[in-house]
C-alpha atoms as a PDB file:
ATOM      1  CA  MET A   1      -4.301  13.537  -5.115  1.00  0.00           C
ATOM      2  CA  ALA A   2      -1.068  15.384  -4.375  1.00  0.00           C
ATOM      3  CA  LEU A   3       1.023  12.428  -5.542  1.00  0.00           C
ATOM      4  CA  ASN A   4      -0.891  12.278  -8.816  1.00  0.00           C
ATOM      5  CA  ILE A   5      -0.349  15.990  -9.423  1.00  0.00           C
ATOM      6  CA  LEU A   6       3.333  15.682  -8.555  1.00  0.00           C
ATOM      7  CA  GLN A   7       3.709  12.837 -11.047  1.00  0.00           C
ATOM      8  CA  GLU A   8       2.042  14.898 -13.784  1.00  0.00           C
ATOM      9  CA  LEU A   9       4.261  17.883 -13.057  1.00  0.00           C
ATOM     10  CA  GLY A  10       7.338  15.655 -13.253  1.00  0.00           C
ATOM     11  CA  SER A  11       6.540  14.920 -16.893  1.00  0.00           C
ATOM     12  CA  VAL A  12       6.695  18.625 -17.827  1.00  0.00           C
ATOM     13  CA  LYS A  13      10.038  19.721 -19.286  1.00  0.00           C
ATOM     14  CA  ASN A  14      12.237  22.084 -17.270  1.00  0.00           C
ATOM     15  CA  THR A  15      10.386  21.624 -13.987  1.00  0.00           C
ATOM     16  CA  GLY A  16      12.181  21.080 -10.699  1.00  0.00           C
ATOM     17  CA  LYS A  17      11.917  18.119  -8.374  1.00  0.00           C
ATOM     18  CA  GLY A  18       9.046  18.117  -5.900  1.00  0.00           C
ATOM     19  CA  PHE A  19       7.899  16.080  -2.955  1.00  0.00           C
ATOM     20  CA  VAL A  20       4.850  15.687  -0.758  1.00  0.00           C
ATOM     21  CA  THR A  21       4.996  16.072   3.002  1.00  0.00           C
ATOM     22  CA  GLY A  22       2.342  15.213   5.546  1.00  0.00           C
ATOM     23  CA  GLY A  23      -0.944  13.666   4.584  1.00  0.00           C
ATOM     24  CA  ARG A  24      -2.375  10.298   5.457  1.00  0.00           C
ATOM     25  CA  GLN A  25      -0.574   7.014   5.142  1.00  0.00           C
ATOM     26  CA  GLU A  26      -1.770   4.853   2.298  1.00  0.00           C
ATOM     27  CA  GLN A  27      -4.471   2.433   3.334  1.00  0.00           C
ATOM     28  CA  ILE A  28      -6.446  -0.416   1.886  1.00  0.00           C
ATOM     29  CA  ARG A  29      -9.792  -1.747   3.010  1.00  0.00           C
ATOM     30  CA  VAL A  30     -10.392  -5.485   3.018  1.00  0.00           C
ATOM     31  CA  GLU A  31     -13.951  -6.776   3.082  1.00  0.00           C
ATOM     32  CA  VAL A  32     -14.161 -10.482   3.822  1.00  0.00           C
ATOM     33  CA  LEU A  33     -17.081 -12.693   2.820  1.00  0.00           C
ATOM     34  CA  MET A  34     -16.974 -15.442   5.404  1.00  0.00           C
ATOM     35  CA  GLU A  35     -18.988 -17.918   3.294  1.00  0.00           C
ATOM     36  CA  ARG A  36     -16.470 -17.644   0.451  1.00  0.00           C
ATOM     37  CA  LEU A  37     -13.573 -18.131   2.856  1.00  0.00           C
ATOM     38  CA  ALA A  38     -15.250 -21.275   4.169  1.00  0.00           C
ATOM     39  CA  ASN A  39     -15.669 -22.600   0.619  1.00  0.00           C
ATOM     40  CA  TYR A  40     -11.911 -22.297   0.083  1.00  0.00           C
ATOM     41  CA  GLY A  41     -11.018 -23.591   3.553  1.00  0.00           C
ATOM     42  CA  ILE A  42      -9.354 -20.316   4.523  1.00  0.00           C
ATOM     43  CA  THR A  43      -9.644 -18.823   8.003  1.00  0.00           C
ATOM     44  CA  LEU A  44      -9.906 -15.150   8.883  1.00  0.00           C
ATOM     45  CA  ASP A  45      -6.693 -15.533  10.910  1.00  0.00           C
ATOM     46  CA  ARG A  46      -4.885 -16.676   7.758  1.00  0.00           C
ATOM     47  CA  ILE A  47      -6.105 -13.589   5.861  1.00  0.00           C
ATOM     48  CA  ALA A  48      -5.006 -11.300   8.719  1.00  0.00           C
ATOM     49  CA  GLY A  49      -1.598 -12.993   8.901  1.00  0.00           C
ATOM     50  CA  THR A  50      -1.074 -12.637   5.170  1.00  0.00           C
ATOM     51  CA  ILE A  51      -1.912  -8.944   5.292  1.00  0.00           C
ATOM     52  CA  ARG A  52       0.328  -8.443   8.333  1.00  0.00           C
ATOM     53  CA  SER A  53       3.301 -10.106   6.648  1.00  0.00           C
ATOM     54  CA  ALA A  54       2.758  -8.166   3.409  1.00  0.00           C
ATOM     55  CA  ASN A  55       2.702  -4.956   5.426  1.00  0.00           C
ATOM     56  CA  SER A  56       6.044  -5.571   7.148  1.00  0.00           C
ATOM     57  CA  GLU A  57       9.120  -3.515   6.377  1.00  0.00           C
ATOM     58  CA  LEU A  58      12.539  -5.108   6.084  1.00  0.00           C
ATOM     59  CA  ALA A  59      15.871  -3.329   6.202  1.00  0.00           C
ATOM     60  CA  THR A  60      17.928  -3.826   3.061  1.00  0.00           C
ATOM     61  CA  GLY A  61      21.521  -3.116   2.281  1.00  0.00           C
ATOM     62  CA  GLY A  62      24.042  -2.246   4.902  1.00  0.00           C
ATOM     63  CA  TYR A  63      27.611  -1.336   5.595  1.00  0.00           C
END
């Protein structure tokens, strides 16, 4: 909610820069229907691996 408010305030003329500290990390919830996975030939391990790799952070740039 704080990020949404901060974004709205940023669109108001002559307002300063703001930032949010603390709070929870962003999360997603994945509900898997095993019968649908089986129909597509996908394993639960493959889903977990895909989520893990999408959640990785890579360093960019450098000196």
